[in-house]
């Protein structure tokens, strides 16, 4: 099950370098996670300051 970025995202970018499979991209206005690439590791959720990344 992939992770998802909610509307709580403040587009700080702290999650991007944490993703080992480069599944996170800058969106408009919030970042997005490609569910096809996401390996459900949770590294992005661990560093999110606004707790905007949740498991689907």
PDB file of N, CA and C in Angstrom:
ATOM      1  N   UNK A   1       0.845  -1.182   0.000  1.00  0.00           N
ATOM      2  CA  UNK A   1       0.000   0.000   0.000  1.00  0.00           C
ATOM      3  C   UNK A   1       0.890   1.246   0.000  1.00  0.00           C
ATOM      4  N   UNK A   2       0.664   2.141  -0.897  1.00  0.00           N
ATOM      5  CA  UNK A   2       1.498   3.329  -1.064  1.00  0.00           C
ATOM      6  C   UNK A   2       1.139   4.433  -0.079  1.00  0.00           C
ATOM      7  N   UNK A   3       2.081   5.351   0.092  1.00  0.00           N
ATOM      8  CA  UNK A   3       1.830   6.532   0.905  1.00  0.00           C
ATOM      9  C   UNK A   3       1.208   7.613   0.038  1.00  0.00           C
ATOM     10  N   UNK A   4       0.551   8.565   0.686  1.00  0.00           N
ATOM     11  CA  UNK A   4      -0.138   9.645  -0.007  1.00  0.00           C
ATOM     12  C   UNK A   4       0.154  10.949   0.725  1.00  0.00           C
ATOM     13  N   UNK A   5       0.266  12.028  -0.025  1.00  0.00           N
ATOM     14  CA  UNK A   5       0.480  13.344   0.571  1.00  0.00           C
ATOM     15  C   UNK A   5      -0.857  14.073   0.593  1.00  0.00           C
ATOM     16  N   UNK A   6      -1.256  14.517   1.785  1.00  0.00           N
ATOM     17  CA  UNK A   6      -2.553  15.171   1.964  1.00  0.00           C
ATOM     18  C   UNK A   6      -2.438  16.683   1.755  1.00  0.00           C
ATOM     19  N   UNK A   7      -3.563  17.357   1.867  1.00  0.00           N
ATOM     20  CA  UNK A   7      -3.606  18.809   1.711  1.00  0.00           C
ATOM     21  C   UNK A   7      -2.870  19.553   2.820  1.00  0.00           C
ATOM     22  N   UNK A   8      -2.439  18.839   3.845  1.00  0.00           N
ATOM     23  CA  UNK A   8      -1.678  19.457   4.932  1.00  0.00           C
ATOM     24  C   UNK A   8      -0.252  19.791   4.492  1.00  0.00           C
ATOM     25  N   UNK A   9       0.153  19.328   3.321  1.00  0.00           N
ATOM     26  CA  UNK A   9       1.499  19.554   2.789  1.00  0.00           C
ATOM     27  C   UNK A   9       1.788  21.046   2.668  1.00  0.00           C
ATOM     28  N   UNK A  10       2.962  21.445   3.160  1.00  0.00           N
ATOM     29  CA  UNK A  10       3.386  22.839   3.065  1.00  0.00           C
ATOM     30  C   UNK A  10       4.465  23.019   1.994  1.00  0.00           C
ATOM     31  N   UNK A  11       4.682  21.986   1.183  1.00  0.00           N
ATOM     32  CA  UNK A  11       5.635  22.014   0.067  1.00  0.00           C
ATOM     33  C   UNK A  11       7.035  22.424   0.497  1.00  0.00           C
ATOM     34  N   UNK A  12       7.483  21.899   1.630  1.00  0.00           N
ATOM     35  CA  UNK A  12       8.818  22.242   2.135  1.00  0.00           C
ATOM     36  C   UNK A  12       9.926  21.460   1.434  1.00  0.00           C
ATOM     37  N   UNK A  13       9.566  20.291   0.868  1.00  0.00           N
ATOM     38  CA  UNK A  13      10.546  19.502   0.131  1.00  0.00           C
ATOM     39  C   UNK A  13      11.394  18.562   0.970  1.00  0.00           C
ATOM     40  N   UNK A  14      11.169  18.506   2.260  1.00  0.00           N
ATOM     41  CA  UNK A  14      12.008  17.656   3.117  1.00  0.00           C
ATOM     42  C   UNK A  14      11.844  16.168   2.814  1.00  0.00           C
ATOM     43  N   UNK A  15      10.745  15.775   2.225  1.00  0.00           N
ATOM     44  CA  UNK A  15      10.485  14.364   1.920  1.00  0.00           C
ATOM     45  C   UNK A  15      11.237  13.872   0.679  1.00  0.00           C
ATOM     46  N   UNK A  16      11.472  14.745  -0.257  1.00  0.00           N
ATOM     47  CA  UNK A  16      12.040  14.350  -1.548  1.00  0.00           C
ATOM     48  C   UNK A  16      13.364  13.592  -1.437  1.00  0.00           C
ATOM     49  N   UNK A  17      14.368  14.112  -0.721  1.00  0.00           N
ATOM     50  CA  UNK A  17      15.637  13.379  -0.655  1.00  0.00           C
ATOM     51  C   UNK A  17      15.559  12.081   0.151  1.00  0.00           C
ATOM     52  N   UNK A  18      14.511  11.897   0.925  1.00  0.00           N
ATOM     53  CA  UNK A  18      14.365  10.691   1.743  1.00  0.00           C
ATOM     54  C   UNK A  18      13.855   9.495   0.954  1.00  0.00           C
ATOM     55  N   UNK A  19      13.237   9.726  -0.188  1.00  0.00           N
ATOM     56  CA  UNK A  19      12.628   8.641  -0.965  1.00  0.00           C
ATOM     57  C   UNK A  19      13.696   7.866  -1.748  1.00  0.00           C
ATOM     58  N   UNK A  20      13.873   6.578  -1.414  1.00  0.00           N
ATOM     59  CA  UNK A  20      14.916   5.789  -2.087  1.00  0.00           C
ATOM     60  C   UNK A  20      14.590   5.429  -3.537  1.00  0.00           C
ATOM     61  N   UNK A  21      13.330   5.573  -3.938  1.00  0.00           N
ATOM     62  CA  UNK A  21      12.941   5.211  -5.306  1.00  0.00           C
ATOM     63  C   UNK A  21      12.486   6.429  -6.123  1.00  0.00           C
ATOM     64  N   UNK A  22      12.726   7.623  -5.593  1.00  0.00           N
ATOM     65  CA  UNK A  22      12.390   8.880  -6.273  1.00  0.00           C
ATOM     66  C   UNK A  22      10.930   8.928  -6.728  1.00  0.00           C
ATOM     67  N   UNK A  23      10.021   8.562  -5.816  1.00  0.00           N
ATOM     68  CA  UNK A  23       8.591   8.540  -6.132  1.00  0.00           C
ATOM     69  C   UNK A  23       7.887   9.863  -5.837  1.00  0.00           C
ATOM     70  N   UNK A  24       8.593  10.806  -5.213  1.00  0.00           N
ATOM     71  CA  UNK A  24       7.973  12.074  -4.824  1.00  0.00           C
ATOM     72  C   UNK A  24       8.362  13.172  -5.801  1.00  0.00           C
ATOM     73  N   UNK A  25       7.336  13.896  -6.257  1.00  0.00           N
ATOM     74  CA  UNK A  25       7.566  14.995  -7.199  1.00  0.00           C
ATOM     75  C   UNK A  25       6.892  16.258  -6.705  1.00  0.00           C
ATOM     76  N   UNK A  26       7.464  17.386  -7.083  1.00  0.00           N
ATOM     77  CA  UNK A  26       6.858  18.671  -6.754  1.00  0.00           C
ATOM     78  C   UNK A  26       5.595  18.835  -7.584  1.00  0.00           C
ATOM     79  N   UNK A  27       4.519  19.183  -6.903  1.00  0.00           N
ATOM     80  CA  UNK A  27       3.255  19.383  -7.608  1.00  0.00           C
ATOM     81  C   UNK A  27       2.796  20.820  -7.476  1.00  0.00           C
ATOM     82  N   UNK A  28       1.575  21.057  -7.838  1.00  0.00           N
ATOM     83  CA  UNK A  28       1.022  22.407  -7.757  1.00  0.00           C
ATOM     84  C   UNK A  28      -0.319  22.341  -7.039  1.00  0.00           C
ATOM     85  N   UNK A  29      -0.427  22.708  -5.806  1.00  0.00           N
ATOM     86  CA  UNK A  29       0.582  23.377  -4.985  1.00  0.00           C
ATOM     87  C   UNK A  29       1.337  22.431  -4.052  1.00  0.00           C
ATOM     88  N   UNK A  30       0.912  21.164  -3.931  1.00  0.00           N
ATOM     89  CA  UNK A  30       1.568  20.254  -2.998  1.00  0.00           C
ATOM     90  C   UNK A  30       2.335  19.166  -3.727  1.00  0.00           C
ATOM     91  N   UNK A  31       3.225  18.511  -2.998  1.00  0.00           N
ATOM     92  CA  UNK A  31       4.000  17.409  -3.568  1.00  0.00           C
ATOM     93  C   UNK A  31       3.099  16.187  -3.771  1.00  0.00           C
ATOM     94  N   UNK A  32       3.519  15.294  -4.657  1.00  0.00           N
ATOM     95  CA  UNK A  32       2.746  14.083  -4.922  1.00  0.00           C
ATOM     96  C   UNK A  32       3.662  12.867  -4.863  1.00  0.00           C
ATOM     97  N   UNK A  33       3.059  11.708  -4.572  1.00  0.00           N
ATOM     98  CA  UNK A  33       3.791  10.450  -4.545  1.00  0.00           C
ATOM     99  C   UNK A  33       3.235   9.550  -5.634  1.00  0.00           C
ATOM    100  N   UNK A  34       4.106   9.044  -6.478  1.00  0.00           N
ATOM    101  CA  UNK A  34       3.715   8.109  -7.534  1.00  0.00           C
ATOM    102  C   UNK A  34       3.495   6.742  -6.882  1.00  0.00           C
ATOM    103  N   UNK A  35       2.244   6.322  -6.804  1.00  0.00           N
ATOM    104  CA  UNK A  35       1.886   5.067  -6.136  1.00  0.00           C
ATOM    105  C   UNK A  35       2.519   3.852  -6.803  1.00  0.00           C
ATOM    106  N   UNK A  36       2.807   3.953  -8.087  1.00  0.00           N
ATOM    107  CA  UNK A  36       3.431   2.838  -8.810  1.00  0.00           C
ATOM    108  C   UNK A  36       4.881   2.630  -8.371  1.00  0.00           C
ATOM    109  N   UNK A  37       5.559   3.721  -8.004  1.00  0.00           N
ATOM    110  CA  UNK A  37       6.961   3.646  -7.593  1.00  0.00           C
ATOM    111  C   UNK A  37       7.126   3.434  -6.088  1.00  0.00           C
ATOM    112  N   UNK A  38       6.176   3.899  -5.295  1.00  0.00           N
ATOM    113  CA  UNK A  38       6.271   3.869  -3.839  1.00  0.00           C
ATOM    114  C   UNK A  38       6.414   2.435  -3.321  1.00  0.00           C
ATOM    115  N   UNK A  39       7.416   2.233  -2.448  1.00  0.00           N
ATOM    116  CA  UNK A  39       7.659   0.904  -1.878  1.00  0.00           C
ATOM    117  C   UNK A  39       7.152   0.794  -0.443  1.00  0.00           C
ATOM    118  N   UNK A  40       6.433   1.802   0.013  1.00  0.00           N
ATOM    119  CA  UNK A  40       5.815   1.791   1.344  1.00  0.00           C
ATOM    120  C   UNK A  40       6.850   1.726   2.476  1.00  0.00           C
ATOM    121  N   UNK A  41       7.991   2.376   2.279  1.00  0.00           N
ATOM    122  CA  UNK A  41       9.042   2.325   3.302  1.00  0.00           C
ATOM    123  C   UNK A  41       8.767   3.281   4.461  1.00  0.00           C
ATOM    124  N   UNK A  42       8.048   4.379   4.203  1.00  0.00           N
ATOM    125  CA  UNK A  42       7.700   5.326   5.253  1.00  0.00           C
ATOM    126  C   UNK A  42       8.751   6.355   5.582  1.00  0.00           C
ATOM    127  N   UNK A  43       9.856   6.362   4.873  1.00  0.00           N
ATOM    128  CA  UNK A  43      10.919   7.327   5.156  1.00  0.00           C
ATOM    129  C   UNK A  43      10.429   8.764   5.003  1.00  0.00           C
ATOM    130  N   UNK A  44       9.594   9.007   4.036  1.00  0.00           N
ATOM    131  CA  UNK A  44       9.077  10.355   3.791  1.00  0.00           C
ATOM    132  C   UNK A  44       8.176  10.816   4.939  1.00  0.00           C
ATOM    133  N   UNK A  45       7.334   9.916   5.418  1.00  0.00           N
ATOM    134  CA  UNK A  45       6.412  10.244   6.505  1.00  0.00           C
ATOM    135  C   UNK A  45       7.175  10.573   7.785  1.00  0.00           C
ATOM    136  N   UNK A  46       8.294   9.898   7.999  1.00  0.00           N
ATOM    137  CA  UNK A  46       9.083  10.122   9.203  1.00  0.00           C
ATOM    138  C   UNK A  46       9.665  11.524   9.285  1.00  0.00           C
ATOM    139  N   UNK A  47       9.927  12.162   8.147  1.00  0.00           N
ATOM    140  CA  UNK A  47      10.558  13.482   8.149  1.00  0.00           C
ATOM    141  C   UNK A  47       9.589  14.634   7.892  1.00  0.00           C
ATOM    142  N   UNK A  48       8.354  14.329   7.581  1.00  0.00           N
ATOM    143  CA  UNK A  48       7.378  15.382   7.245  1.00  0.00           C
ATOM    144  C   UNK A  48       7.023  16.218   8.477  1.00  0.00           C
ATOM    145  N   UNK A  49       7.335  17.518   8.454  1.00  0.00           N
ATOM    146  CA  UNK A  49       7.077  18.371   9.621  1.00  0.00           C
ATOM    147  C   UNK A  49       5.598  18.673   9.853  1.00  0.00           C
ATOM    148  N   UNK A  50       4.781  18.526   8.804  1.00  0.00           N
ATOM    149  CA  UNK A  50       3.357  18.822   8.956  1.00  0.00           C
ATOM    150  C   UNK A  50       2.494  17.553   9.017  1.00  0.00           C
ATOM    151  N   UNK A  51       3.159  16.405   9.101  1.00  0.00           N
ATOM    152  CA  UNK A  51       2.473  15.117   9.177  1.00  0.00           C
ATOM    153  C   UNK A  51       1.439  14.958   8.059  1.00  0.00           C
ATOM    154  N   UNK A  52       1.838  15.405   6.861  1.00  0.00           N
ATOM    155  CA  UNK A  52       0.948  15.385   5.701  1.00  0.00           C
ATOM    156  C   UNK A  52       1.030  14.095   4.896  1.00  0.00           C
ATOM    157  N   UNK A  53       1.952  13.205   5.259  1.00  0.00           N
ATOM    158  CA  UNK A  53       2.135  11.968   4.490  1.00  0.00           C
ATOM    159  C   UNK A  53       1.561  10.801   5.277  1.00  0.00           C
ATOM    160  N   UNK A  54       0.584  10.133   4.665  1.00  0.00           N
ATOM    161  CA  UNK A  54      -0.115   9.047   5.349  1.00  0.00           C
ATOM    162  C   UNK A  54      -0.144   7.801   4.470  1.00  0.00           C
ATOM    163  N   UNK A  55      -0.262   6.660   5.125  1.00  0.00           N
ATOM    164  CA  UNK A  55      -0.387   5.405   4.402  1.00  0.00           C
ATOM    165  C   UNK A  55      -1.819   5.258   3.916  1.00  0.00           C
ATOM    166  N   UNK A  56      -1.972   4.866   2.658  1.00  0.00           N
ATOM    167  CA  UNK A  56      -3.322   4.701   2.090  1.00  0.00           C
ATOM    168  C   UNK A  56      -3.943   3.413   2.546  1.00  0.00           C
TER     169      UNK A  56
END
